[in-house]
Amino acid sequence: MPIDRTDEDRPSLFVGWIDALPVPAALIRPLARGNFRLHASNAAFDRLNLSPAGANAPIEMRRAVERAEQNPDDSQEFSCQLGEGPSARDLRGSIGPLSEDCGAENLFLLTLIDRTQEMMTERNLRRELVSDSLTGLPNRAGFEELVEQRIVADPAADHSILLLDLARFSRINEHIGPLAGDELIITVARRLKSSLRSGDILARTGGDEFAISSRIAGGRADVREIARRIRGCFDHPFRIGELKVSVDCALGCTIQPGSDTGVADQIRHAQIALKRAKQTDRIEIYEPEAAMLSDNRFGLETALRNAIEEDRLHLAFQPLVELATGKVAGFEALARWDNAKGGAISPTEFIPIAEDSGLIVPLGQWAIAKAASTIAEWDARNGGTPVDCYFSVNVSAIQLVRDDVAAVVRQALAANAIGGERLMIELTESAIIGDPDLALSVLSELKALSTRVAMDDFGTGYSNLAYLQRLPLDVLKIDRSFVEHMVDDRDKVAIVRTIQSLAETLGMKTTAEGVETADQARLLSALGCDFGQGFLFAHPMIADNAFDYWRQSLARPII
């Protein structure tokens, strides 16, 4: 419909088609600096209360009008917010030139779409993505975002990140229940919040882990002061309903001058310090050397995983000698690993890494299977006659919990057609006593396979004698710490004698570890100890040498 031309700012025009539009719409003529002359509008546009010349229009709309005035043949898109506070409305707008058929030059159609509900939903979703639903604090993603904003706003300032992990929270949660556990987390968050300075950022980055970012001026002294203040939050018990719950925490910190390092790396550094804090029970500040050790451990973990998968480990065998006769009764099979250059990697280095990473499970499975196949090979080398000795294999506490040890042993025996009496499984005292019911179940299954079981490092833990009496154990291994210097130490002799008497009472045998001198061997034999193991007899050796060693012992006793 043609538009009547007048010189009035707001002529009375026949523009019924604008009123028919379902969204706020107006006909405007762009002016300089983003102003415009309003020629016609519908009721929805009028309710926006924009001035006729656009003086109170949002800056985004004015810029779009200015672009339209400069590029009259193009359409312009924009987003803006109208109003302030709770009544503010989010709008998406479009400014497009009218067709010449309308009989007007330099006249544009301005339309607006209300996106308030959509933007509110988007903001709520965004808030959920960066917030912890339980405490209302920022989560890991929100924490990183806030710290990055702080660095951009003040790149010259030094700041620190502190990670806090609640001690024994999973155990506490098990006893007081998940609802009370949630209440404890909320209470901890409130107490931490009250201890921080203005401008500090507190976040909940995990189940029982919190992160704090703080500007510092005094370096390590500042960080330690903040950490001590945070740890002071845990000096008094937390009241949860009618309960009083005492909680402690571990604290790991990192200091970052300026914006030299990304936030993700800083958090990783704080995690390295936190892991160390859990071990030392002290406030730990990140040191680059610790990160280097962590990286080395990770590299070693990767290499160990590959070595297990590619069967590049081997067993070494240390003889178990019967002290009364000097004959070899069996061998302890020990996992050994050589790197790509042929250098040996100490078990004290890779076994802890295997336990931390969970690789101890496939490593233990490999050791049992390898020991069983080696026994079968020895039988074949012995003319098909079973060799008169057994192999003892260590099983870690982690494998005892996570794996079906009896099934692994059963499969190894079946695959190599050997009897269960050819294997002995060694479990540490802590593994057995840590979960006696589980240990009893596993040991009973092993005994059903005729496999023998030894308790390793006996005497170094806190054995419950009632449980010890219930467990179907065959051998107690006396820890090397009691054997060392026992010839000159009456207290150690008394301990060994007590362990020997206990074993005899319970119908068990004993094996003394770390035997290095003939005097120790004679004294152990005199005390009634059944077997000895140590450098006096032999160092761990490869399978072929161990087989020859066993053959020689048949002709000539070791001691």
Protein backbone atom coordinates (compact mmCIF):
# COMPACT_ATOMS: atom_id res chain seq x y z
CA MET A 1 0.00 0.00 0.00
CA PRO A 2 1.47 3.40 -0.92
CA ILE A 3 2.61 5.61 1.94
CA ASP A 4 1.32 9.17 2.09
CA ARG A 5 4.11 11.70 2.34
CA THR A 6 3.79 14.54 4.84
CA ASP A 7 6.21 16.75 6.69
CA GLU A 8 4.94 15.71 10.09
CA ASP A 9 7.09 13.59 12.43
CA ARG A 10 4.23 11.15 13.02
CA PRO A 11 1.74 11.40 10.09
CA SER A 12 -1.54 9.59 10.06
CA LEU A 13 -0.79 6.87 7.53
CA PHE A 14 -2.77 3.95 6.24
CA VAL A 15 -0.43 1.15 7.30
CA GLY A 16 -2.79 -1.53 8.50
CA TRP A 17 -0.35 -4.20 7.39
CA ILE A 18 2.03 -3.10 10.21
CA ASP A 19 -0.70 -3.65 12.79
CA ALA A 20 -1.16 -7.13 11.35
CA LEU A 21 2.43 -8.12 12.17
CA PRO A 22 2.66 -10.34 15.31
CA VAL A 23 5.86 -8.65 16.55
CA PRO A 24 6.78 -5.02 17.39
CA ALA A 25 7.28 -3.24 14.05
CA ALA A 26 7.78 0.31 12.79
CA LEU A 27 8.58 2.25 9.65
CA ILE A 28 11.61 4.46 10.25
CA ARG A 29 13.77 6.84 8.27
CA PRO A 30 17.43 6.70 9.47
CA LEU A 31 19.07 9.98 10.47
CA ALA A 32 22.62 10.85 11.46
CA ARG A 33 24.35 9.26 14.50
CA GLY A 34 21.84 6.46 14.84
CA ASN A 35 18.77 8.63 15.28
CA PHE A 36 15.70 7.96 13.21
CA ARG A 37 12.29 9.44 12.33
CA LEU A 38 9.35 7.24 13.21
CA HIS A 39 6.70 7.22 10.46
CA ALA A 40 4.40 4.47 11.63
CA SER A 41 4.30 1.68 14.21
CA ASN A 42 2.02 -1.01 15.54
CA ALA A 43 0.66 -1.27 19.08
CA ALA A 44 3.29 -3.81 20.16
CA PHE A 45 6.05 -1.35 19.19
CA ASP A 46 4.33 1.52 20.96
CA ARG A 47 4.35 -0.43 24.22
CA LEU A 48 8.16 -0.39 24.15
CA ASN A 49 8.01 3.37 24.92
CA LEU A 50 10.82 4.35 22.56
CA SER A 51 11.06 8.07 21.78
CA PRO A 52 10.05 9.02 18.22
CA ALA A 53 13.60 10.01 17.30
CA GLY A 54 15.18 6.92 18.98
CA ALA A 55 17.08 8.97 21.54
CA ASN A 56 16.43 6.43 24.29
CA ALA A 57 16.97 3.40 22.05
CA PRO A 58 19.63 0.84 23.08
CA ILE A 59 23.07 1.51 21.65
CA GLU A 60 22.94 -1.74 19.63
CA MET A 61 19.77 -0.54 17.87
CA ARG A 62 21.24 2.90 17.18
CA ARG A 63 24.37 1.35 15.67
CA ALA A 64 22.19 -0.85 13.43
CA VAL A 65 20.23 2.25 12.32
CA GLU A 66 23.50 4.02 11.56
CA ARG A 67 24.69 1.06 9.48
CA ALA A 68 21.35 1.05 7.63
CA GLU A 69 21.73 4.74 6.86
CA GLN A 70 25.23 4.11 5.47
CA ASN A 71 24.23 0.93 3.56
CA PRO A 72 20.63 1.51 2.47
CA ASP A 73 20.47 -1.62 0.32
CA ASP A 74 21.42 -4.07 3.09
CA SER A 75 19.53 -5.53 6.04
CA GLN A 76 20.97 -5.14 9.54
CA GLU A 77 20.62 -7.61 12.42
CA PHE A 78 21.21 -6.81 16.09
CA SER A 79 20.48 -7.94 19.65
CA CYS A 80 19.81 -5.61 22.55
CA GLN A 81 18.29 -5.29 25.99
CA LEU A 82 15.53 -2.83 26.76
CA GLY A 83 15.06 -1.65 30.31
CA GLU A 84 16.91 -2.58 33.49
CA GLY A 85 16.53 -4.97 36.37
CA PRO A 86 13.90 -7.70 36.55
CA SER A 87 11.71 -5.95 33.97
CA ALA A 88 14.46 -5.85 31.33
CA ARG A 89 13.60 -7.47 28.01
CA ASP A 90 15.98 -9.17 25.58
CA LEU A 91 15.23 -8.35 21.95
CA ARG A 92 16.52 -9.47 18.60
CA GLY A 93 16.01 -6.87 15.85
CA SER A 94 16.14 -6.52 12.10
CA ILE A 95 16.25 -3.36 9.94
CA GLY A 96 15.55 -3.83 6.23
CA PRO A 97 14.83 -1.42 3.34
CA LEU A 98 11.30 -1.27 1.97
CA SER A 99 10.60 -2.05 -1.65
CA GLU A 100 10.31 0.92 -4.02
CA ASP A 101 6.80 -0.35 -4.77
CA CYS A 102 5.78 1.23 -1.51
CA GLY A 103 6.48 4.63 -3.04
CA ALA A 104 8.97 5.67 -0.36
CA GLU A 105 12.68 6.30 -0.51
CA ASN A 106 15.11 5.62 2.33
CA LEU A 107 12.36 4.10 4.45
CA PHE A 108 13.10 0.97 6.52
CA LEU A 109 11.07 -1.64 8.33
CA LEU A 110 12.25 -2.21 11.91
CA THR A 111 11.04 -5.44 13.55
CA LEU A 112 11.80 -6.76 17.02
CA ILE A 113 11.40 -10.26 18.48
CA ASP A 114 11.16 -10.69 22.25
CA ARG A 115 13.74 -13.29 23.37
CA THR A 116 13.47 -12.62 27.10
CA GLN A 117 12.24 -16.10 28.05
CA GLU A 118 14.73 -17.75 25.72
CA MET A 119 17.64 -15.74 27.13
CA MET A 120 16.48 -16.39 30.69
CA THR A 121 16.47 -20.12 29.99
CA GLU A 122 19.90 -19.85 28.41
CA ARG A 123 21.27 -17.93 31.38
CA ASN A 124 19.79 -20.49 33.78
CA LEU A 125 21.38 -23.34 31.83
CA ARG A 126 24.65 -21.45 31.79
CA ARG A 127 24.41 -20.93 35.54
CA GLU A 128 23.82 -24.63 36.04
CA LEU A 129 26.84 -25.48 33.90
CA VAL A 130 29.20 -23.35 35.97
CA SER A 131 27.62 -23.77 39.42
CA ASP A 132 27.51 -26.51 42.00
CA SER A 133 23.87 -27.40 42.60
CA LEU A 134 24.44 -28.39 46.25
CA THR A 135 26.34 -25.38 47.60
CA GLY A 136 25.60 -22.75 44.96
CA LEU A 137 29.34 -22.16 44.62
CA PRO A 138 31.09 -22.17 41.25
CA ASN A 139 32.05 -25.62 40.04
CA ARG A 140 35.33 -26.51 38.31
CA ALA A 141 34.34 -24.85 35.01
CA GLY A 142 32.98 -21.77 36.79
CA PHE A 143 36.10 -21.50 38.92
CA GLU A 144 38.39 -21.58 35.89
CA GLU A 145 36.27 -18.95 34.18
CA LEU A 146 36.31 -16.60 37.18
CA VAL A 147 40.07 -16.96 37.66
CA GLU A 148 40.68 -16.27 33.98
CA GLN A 149 38.56 -13.12 34.23
CA ARG A 150 40.59 -12.04 37.26
CA ILE A 151 43.86 -12.55 35.40
CA VAL A 152 42.65 -10.58 32.39
CA ALA A 153 41.43 -7.75 34.63
CA ASP A 154 44.67 -7.54 36.62
CA PRO A 155 47.47 -9.35 34.75
CA ALA A 156 50.26 -7.87 36.85
CA ALA A 157 49.00 -9.19 40.20
CA ASP A 158 50.32 -12.38 41.79
CA HIS A 159 47.72 -14.88 42.86
CA SER A 160 47.50 -18.35 44.36
CA ILE A 161 45.23 -21.35 43.95
CA LEU A 162 44.59 -23.59 46.93
CA LEU A 163 42.96 -27.01 46.66
CA LEU A 164 41.36 -28.51 49.75
CA ASP A 165 40.33 -32.15 50.14
CA LEU A 166 38.29 -33.38 53.09
CA ALA A 167 39.92 -36.28 54.91
CA ARG A 168 37.91 -39.48 55.42
CA PHE A 169 34.79 -37.91 53.89
CA SER A 170 33.72 -41.08 52.07
CA ARG A 171 33.89 -43.04 55.33
CA ILE A 172 32.00 -40.30 57.19
CA ASN A 173 29.40 -40.23 54.41
CA GLU A 174 28.92 -43.99 54.71
CA HIS A 175 28.23 -43.74 58.43
CA ILE A 176 26.03 -40.64 58.62
CA GLY A 177 24.21 -41.15 55.30
CA PRO A 178 24.22 -39.18 52.03
CA LEU A 179 21.72 -36.52 53.19
CA ALA A 180 23.74 -35.72 56.28
CA GLY A 181 26.87 -35.87 54.11
CA ASP A 182 25.38 -33.22 51.82
CA GLU A 183 24.58 -31.08 54.85
CA LEU A 184 28.18 -31.47 56.00
CA ILE A 185 29.45 -30.26 52.61
CA ILE A 186 27.13 -27.22 52.78
CA THR A 187 28.28 -26.43 56.32
CA VAL A 188 31.94 -26.73 55.32
CA ALA A 189 31.31 -24.40 52.37
CA ARG A 190 29.72 -21.79 54.66
CA ARG A 191 32.55 -21.97 57.15
CA LEU A 192 35.16 -21.66 54.40
CA LYS A 193 33.31 -18.70 52.89
CA SER A 194 33.35 -16.87 56.20
CA SER A 195 37.11 -17.34 56.55
CA LEU A 196 38.04 -15.83 53.18
CA ARG A 197 38.89 -12.25 52.33
CA SER A 198 36.84 -10.00 50.11
CA GLY A 199 37.67 -10.77 46.50
CA ASP A 200 38.70 -14.39 47.15
CA ILE A 201 37.00 -16.99 44.95
CA LEU A 202 35.66 -20.18 46.54
CA ALA A 203 34.45 -23.11 44.44
CA ARG A 204 33.46 -26.73 44.94
CA THR A 205 35.42 -28.60 42.29
CA GLY A 206 34.60 -32.18 43.30
CA GLY A 207 32.68 -34.35 45.73
CA ASP A 208 34.77 -33.37 48.75
CA GLU A 209 37.20 -30.97 47.09
CA PHE A 210 37.13 -27.17 47.21
CA ALA A 211 39.26 -24.63 45.34
CA ILE A 212 40.20 -21.12 46.41
CA SER A 213 41.79 -18.34 44.36
CA SER A 214 43.31 -15.41 46.19
CA ARG A 215 45.41 -12.38 45.28
CA ILE A 216 48.66 -12.31 47.23
CA ALA A 217 51.37 -9.74 47.80
CA GLY A 218 53.72 -11.52 50.18
CA GLY A 219 54.53 -14.71 48.25
CA ARG A 220 54.79 -18.01 50.15
CA ALA A 221 54.25 -16.35 53.53
CA ASP A 222 50.90 -15.00 52.33
CA VAL A 223 49.86 -18.40 50.99
CA ARG A 224 50.77 -20.18 54.21
CA GLU A 225 48.80 -17.62 56.21
CA ILE A 226 45.73 -18.16 54.01
CA ALA A 227 46.17 -21.94 54.26
CA ARG A 228 46.48 -21.81 58.05
CA ARG A 229 43.31 -19.69 58.25
CA ILE A 230 41.47 -22.18 56.06
CA ARG A 231 42.70 -25.13 58.07
CA GLY A 232 41.55 -23.35 61.19
CA CYS A 233 37.98 -23.81 59.94
CA PHE A 234 38.33 -27.48 60.86
CA ASP A 235 39.56 -26.96 64.43
CA HIS A 236 36.03 -27.39 65.80
CA PRO A 237 33.56 -30.17 64.99
CA PHE A 238 30.69 -29.58 62.59
CA ARG A 239 27.19 -29.97 64.00
CA ILE A 240 24.96 -32.00 61.68
CA GLY A 241 21.57 -32.41 63.32
CA GLU A 242 22.31 -34.02 66.66
CA LEU A 243 25.75 -35.21 65.52
CA LYS A 244 29.12 -33.58 66.01
CA VAL A 245 31.43 -34.54 63.16
CA SER A 246 35.16 -33.85 63.26
CA VAL A 247 36.68 -33.35 59.84
CA ASP A 248 40.24 -32.61 58.77
CA CYS A 249 41.56 -31.56 55.38
CA ALA A 250 44.63 -31.68 53.15
CA LEU A 251 45.78 -28.47 51.45
CA GLY A 252 47.85 -28.10 48.29
CA CYS A 253 48.78 -24.66 46.95
CA THR A 254 50.40 -23.08 43.94
CA ILE A 255 51.69 -19.53 43.43
CA GLN A 256 51.54 -17.92 40.01
CA PRO A 257 53.14 -14.58 39.25
CA GLY A 258 50.98 -12.64 36.81
CA SER A 259 49.43 -14.55 33.92
CA ASP A 260 52.40 -16.67 32.87
CA THR A 261 50.56 -19.98 33.15
CA GLY A 262 47.05 -21.04 32.14
CA VAL A 263 44.48 -21.72 34.83
CA ALA A 264 44.25 -25.42 33.96
CA ASP A 265 48.01 -25.80 34.49
CA GLN A 266 47.83 -23.93 37.78
CA ILE A 267 45.09 -26.26 39.01
CA ARG A 268 47.21 -29.23 37.93
CA HIS A 269 50.14 -27.83 39.93
CA ALA A 270 47.89 -27.42 42.97
CA GLN A 271 46.71 -31.02 42.54
CA ILE A 272 50.33 -32.22 42.63
CA ALA A 273 50.84 -30.29 45.87
CA LEU A 274 47.55 -31.66 47.25
CA LYS A 275 48.59 -35.24 46.57
CA ARG A 276 51.80 -34.63 48.45
CA ALA A 277 49.87 -32.97 51.30
CA LYS A 278 47.79 -36.13 51.72
CA GLN A 279 51.01 -38.07 52.23
CA THR A 280 52.78 -35.61 54.55
CA ASP A 281 49.77 -34.21 56.43
CA ARG A 282 51.27 -30.74 55.96
CA ILE A 283 50.36 -27.67 53.93
CA GLU A 284 52.24 -28.20 50.68
CA ILE A 285 53.17 -25.57 48.08
CA TYR A 286 53.86 -26.69 44.54
CA GLU A 287 57.48 -27.12 43.53
CA PRO A 288 58.51 -27.64 39.88
CA GLU A 289 60.64 -30.60 40.95
CA ALA A 290 57.53 -32.32 42.26
CA ALA A 291 55.83 -31.79 38.92
CA MET A 292 58.84 -33.31 37.18
CA LEU A 293 58.57 -36.36 39.43
CA SER A 294 54.84 -36.55 38.73
CA ASP A 295 55.47 -36.38 34.99
CA ASN A 296 58.12 -39.09 35.34
CA ARG A 297 55.68 -41.26 37.25
CA PHE A 298 53.06 -40.74 34.55
CA GLY A 299 55.58 -41.65 31.87
CA LEU A 300 56.59 -44.71 33.86
CA GLU A 301 52.93 -45.67 34.28
CA THR A 302 52.38 -45.48 30.51
CA ALA A 303 55.50 -47.51 29.85
CA LEU A 304 54.47 -50.11 32.45
CA ARG A 305 51.03 -50.45 30.91
CA ASN A 306 52.62 -51.08 27.51
CA ALA A 307 55.09 -53.56 29.02
CA ILE A 308 52.27 -55.57 30.62
CA GLU A 309 50.20 -55.56 27.43
CA GLU A 310 53.18 -56.57 25.30
CA ASP A 311 54.44 -59.21 27.81
CA ARG A 312 57.82 -57.52 28.25
CA LEU A 313 58.17 -58.25 31.96
CA HIS A 314 59.76 -61.36 33.43
CA LEU A 315 59.84 -63.24 36.72
CA ALA A 316 62.85 -63.63 38.93
CA PHE A 317 62.94 -66.50 41.44
CA GLN A 318 64.37 -66.44 44.95
CA PRO A 319 64.67 -69.80 46.72
CA LEU A 320 62.77 -70.72 49.86
CA VAL A 321 65.09 -73.05 51.76
CA GLU A 322 64.06 -75.60 54.41
CA LEU A 323 66.31 -74.66 57.33
CA ALA A 324 66.34 -78.12 58.92
CA THR A 325 67.56 -79.94 55.77
CA GLY A 326 69.03 -77.24 53.53
CA LYS A 327 66.80 -78.32 50.63
CA VAL A 328 64.97 -75.94 48.30
CA ALA A 329 61.25 -76.18 49.07
CA GLY A 330 60.13 -73.58 46.55
CA PHE A 331 60.75 -70.18 44.99
CA GLU A 332 59.16 -66.81 45.41
CA ALA A 333 58.31 -65.42 41.96
CA LEU A 334 59.10 -61.70 41.76
CA ALA A 335 58.08 -59.35 38.93
CA ARG A 336 61.01 -57.69 37.16
CA TRP A 337 61.05 -55.05 34.45
CA ASP A 338 63.84 -53.86 32.18
CA ASN A 339 63.50 -50.65 30.20
CA ALA A 340 64.03 -50.33 26.45
CA LYS A 341 67.78 -49.90 26.95
CA GLY A 342 68.04 -53.06 29.02
CA GLY A 343 68.40 -51.29 32.38
CA ALA A 344 66.52 -52.75 35.33
CA ILE A 345 63.72 -50.66 36.87
CA SER A 346 63.51 -51.31 40.59
CA PRO A 347 60.32 -52.94 41.92
CA THR A 348 60.31 -50.29 44.66
CA GLU A 349 59.82 -47.79 41.84
CA PHE A 350 57.24 -49.45 39.60
CA ILE A 351 55.17 -51.47 42.11
CA PRO A 352 53.86 -48.32 43.93
CA ILE A 353 53.03 -46.79 40.54
CA ALA A 354 51.18 -49.96 39.58
CA GLU A 355 49.19 -49.81 42.83
CA ASP A 356 48.33 -46.12 42.44
CA SER A 357 47.21 -46.54 38.83
CA GLY A 358 45.35 -49.84 39.22
CA LEU A 359 47.86 -51.62 36.97
CA ILE A 360 48.63 -53.90 39.91
CA VAL A 361 45.58 -55.96 38.92
CA PRO A 362 46.75 -56.93 35.40
CA LEU A 363 50.30 -57.18 36.76
CA GLY A 364 49.18 -59.66 39.42
CA GLN A 365 47.18 -61.65 36.87
CA TRP A 366 50.23 -61.81 34.62
CA ALA A 367 52.49 -62.95 37.51
CA ILE A 368 50.16 -65.81 38.50
CA ALA A 369 49.78 -66.99 34.90
CA LYS A 370 53.52 -66.70 34.24
CA ALA A 371 54.45 -68.59 37.40
CA ALA A 372 52.06 -71.43 36.51
CA SER A 373 53.42 -71.70 32.97
CA THR A 374 57.01 -71.70 34.28
CA ILE A 375 56.22 -74.61 36.60
CA ALA A 376 54.80 -76.51 33.63
CA GLU A 377 57.97 -75.76 31.63
CA TRP A 378 60.11 -77.04 34.51
CA ASP A 379 58.08 -80.25 34.62
CA ALA A 380 58.75 -80.73 30.90
CA ARG A 381 62.49 -80.09 31.41
CA ASN A 382 62.43 -82.64 34.25
CA GLY A 383 61.38 -85.38 31.86
CA GLY A 384 57.70 -84.97 32.54
CA THR A 385 58.10 -85.62 36.26
CA PRO A 386 56.72 -82.76 38.39
CA VAL A 387 59.52 -80.85 40.12
CA ASP A 388 59.34 -81.18 43.88
CA CYS A 389 58.90 -77.50 44.66
CA TYR A 390 56.27 -74.77 44.50
CA PHE A 391 56.15 -71.15 43.40
CA SER A 392 54.96 -68.38 45.70
CA VAL A 393 53.32 -65.33 44.07
CA ASN A 394 52.45 -62.00 45.72
CA VAL A 395 48.91 -60.62 45.46
CA SER A 396 48.36 -57.00 46.51
CA ALA A 397 45.54 -55.72 48.69
CA ILE A 398 44.17 -53.81 45.69
CA GLN A 399 43.97 -56.96 43.57
CA LEU A 400 42.34 -58.81 46.45
CA VAL A 401 39.52 -56.23 46.48
CA ARG A 402 39.14 -55.51 42.75
CA ASP A 403 39.84 -58.89 41.19
CA ASP A 404 38.58 -62.45 41.47
CA VAL A 405 41.90 -63.92 42.62
CA ALA A 406 40.56 -67.47 42.93
CA ALA A 407 39.27 -67.36 39.34
CA VAL A 408 42.67 -66.13 38.13
CA VAL A 409 44.44 -68.98 39.93
CA ARG A 410 41.89 -71.51 38.69
CA GLN A 411 42.41 -70.41 35.10
CA ALA A 412 46.21 -70.51 35.44
CA LEU A 413 46.14 -74.03 36.88
CA ALA A 414 43.78 -75.30 34.19
CA ALA A 415 45.71 -73.66 31.34
CA ASN A 416 48.94 -75.38 32.43
CA ALA A 417 47.48 -78.67 33.75
CA ILE A 418 49.10 -78.38 37.19
CA GLY A 419 47.70 -78.92 40.67
CA GLY A 420 46.89 -76.14 43.10
CA GLU A 421 49.52 -77.36 45.57
CA ARG A 422 52.19 -76.11 43.14
CA LEU A 423 51.26 -72.50 43.88
CA MET A 424 51.32 -70.46 47.06
CA ILE A 425 49.62 -67.05 47.17
CA GLU A 426 51.22 -64.43 49.41
CA LEU A 427 49.01 -61.72 50.88
CA THR A 428 50.24 -58.92 53.14
CA GLU A 429 49.02 -58.75 56.70
CA SER A 430 47.29 -55.42 56.01
CA ALA A 431 45.43 -56.90 53.01
CA ILE A 432 44.10 -59.80 55.04
CA ILE A 433 43.25 -57.99 58.26
CA GLY A 434 41.93 -54.90 56.42
CA ASP A 435 38.85 -56.85 55.29
CA PRO A 436 38.86 -60.20 57.11
CA ASP A 437 35.49 -61.31 55.74
CA LEU A 438 36.60 -60.78 52.14
CA ALA A 439 39.94 -62.42 52.91
CA LEU A 440 38.18 -65.44 54.45
CA SER A 441 36.01 -65.82 51.35
CA VAL A 442 38.97 -65.59 48.93
CA LEU A 443 41.20 -67.83 51.03
CA SER A 444 38.48 -70.46 51.28
CA GLU A 445 38.15 -70.50 47.49
CA LEU A 446 41.93 -70.83 47.12
CA LYS A 447 42.02 -73.69 49.62
CA ALA A 448 39.33 -75.44 47.60
CA LEU A 449 41.84 -75.40 44.72
CA SER A 450 44.50 -76.94 47.05
CA THR A 451 46.49 -73.69 46.77
CA ARG A 452 48.44 -72.69 49.85
CA VAL A 453 48.34 -69.20 51.34
CA ALA A 454 51.03 -67.24 53.18
CA MET A 455 50.69 -64.06 55.22
CA ASP A 456 53.56 -61.79 54.18
CA ASP A 457 55.36 -59.29 56.47
CA PHE A 458 53.75 -60.78 59.57
CA GLY A 459 54.28 -58.74 62.72
CA THR A 460 54.47 -55.33 61.05
CA GLY A 461 50.74 -54.58 61.30
CA TYR A 462 48.04 -54.96 63.92
CA SER A 463 46.73 -58.47 63.48
CA ASN A 464 43.53 -59.46 65.21
CA LEU A 465 44.33 -62.91 66.62
CA ALA A 466 40.67 -63.91 66.58
CA TYR A 467 40.52 -63.35 62.83
CA LEU A 468 43.94 -64.96 62.40
CA GLN A 469 42.58 -68.12 64.00
CA ARG A 470 39.65 -68.19 61.57
CA LEU A 471 41.69 -67.71 58.39
CA PRO A 472 42.91 -70.82 56.53
CA LEU A 473 46.58 -69.77 56.37
CA ASP A 474 49.47 -72.15 55.77
CA VAL A 475 52.52 -69.96 56.36
CA LEU A 476 53.42 -66.86 58.37
CA LYS A 477 56.35 -64.96 56.83
CA ILE A 478 58.44 -63.26 59.51
CA ASP A 479 59.34 -59.77 58.33
CA ARG A 480 63.00 -59.02 57.59
CA SER A 481 62.99 -56.19 60.16
CA PHE A 482 62.87 -58.83 62.93
CA VAL A 483 65.56 -61.01 61.34
CA GLU A 484 68.04 -58.19 60.79
CA HIS A 485 70.53 -57.96 63.69
CA MET A 486 68.55 -60.58 65.63
CA VAL A 487 71.75 -62.37 66.60
CA ASP A 488 72.71 -59.36 68.76
CA ASP A 489 69.22 -58.23 69.77
CA ARG A 490 67.38 -60.27 72.41
CA ASP A 491 64.13 -58.36 71.82
CA LYS A 492 64.05 -59.44 68.17
CA VAL A 493 64.79 -63.01 69.16
CA ALA A 494 61.85 -62.85 71.59
CA ILE A 495 59.56 -61.55 68.83
CA VAL A 496 60.61 -64.28 66.41
CA ARG A 497 60.14 -66.92 69.13
CA THR A 498 56.63 -65.56 69.85
CA ILE A 499 55.65 -65.63 66.17
CA GLN A 500 57.03 -69.17 65.87
CA SER A 501 55.04 -70.32 68.90
CA LEU A 502 51.88 -68.69 67.55
CA ALA A 503 52.33 -70.38 64.17
CA GLU A 504 52.86 -73.79 65.80
CA THR A 505 49.75 -73.31 67.93
CA LEU A 506 47.66 -72.47 64.85
CA GLY A 507 49.16 -75.30 62.80
CA MET A 508 51.10 -73.03 60.43
CA LYS A 509 54.64 -73.02 59.08
CA THR A 510 57.00 -70.03 59.22
CA THR A 511 59.34 -68.46 56.67
CA ALA A 512 61.96 -65.92 57.75
CA GLU A 513 62.70 -63.18 55.22
CA GLY A 514 65.98 -61.33 54.81
CA VAL A 515 68.34 -64.08 55.99
CA GLU A 516 71.82 -62.84 55.14
CA THR A 517 74.22 -64.63 57.51
CA ALA A 518 74.82 -68.22 58.56
CA ASP A 519 74.42 -67.22 62.22
CA GLN A 520 70.93 -65.92 61.50
CA ALA A 521 70.05 -69.16 59.71
CA ARG A 522 71.32 -71.31 62.60
CA LEU A 523 69.48 -69.21 65.20
CA LEU A 524 66.24 -69.30 63.21
CA SER A 525 66.54 -73.05 62.83
CA ALA A 526 67.14 -73.42 66.57
CA LEU A 527 63.99 -71.37 67.25
CA GLY A 528 62.02 -73.82 65.07
CA CYS A 529 61.56 -71.63 61.99
CA ASP A 530 60.73 -73.83 59.00
CA PHE A 531 62.01 -71.91 55.95
CA GLY A 532 64.48 -69.15 55.20
CA GLN A 533 64.72 -66.70 52.33
CA GLY A 534 67.49 -64.19 51.68
CA PHE A 535 70.80 -63.32 50.12
CA LEU A 536 72.57 -65.96 52.22
CA PHE A 537 71.04 -68.56 49.92
CA ALA A 538 70.72 -66.67 46.64
CA HIS A 539 69.65 -63.44 45.02
CA PRO A 540 66.58 -63.55 42.76
CA MET A 541 67.55 -65.23 39.47
CA ILE A 542 66.06 -65.91 36.05
CA ALA A 543 63.98 -69.05 35.51
CA ASP A 544 66.74 -71.15 33.85
CA ASN A 545 69.23 -70.43 36.64
CA ALA A 546 66.60 -71.13 39.26
CA PHE A 547 65.88 -74.54 37.70
CA ASP A 548 69.59 -75.40 37.78
CA TYR A 549 69.76 -74.17 41.38
CA TRP A 550 66.91 -76.50 42.33
CA ARG A 551 68.61 -79.47 40.64
CA GLN A 552 71.92 -78.78 42.42
CA SER A 553 70.13 -78.59 45.78
CA LEU A 554 68.93 -82.16 45.30
CA ALA A 555 72.52 -83.39 45.31
CA ARG A 556 73.96 -80.96 47.84
CA PRO A 557 71.98 -79.11 50.53
CA ILE A 558 72.24 -75.32 50.42
CA ILE A 559 73.30 -75.11 54.07
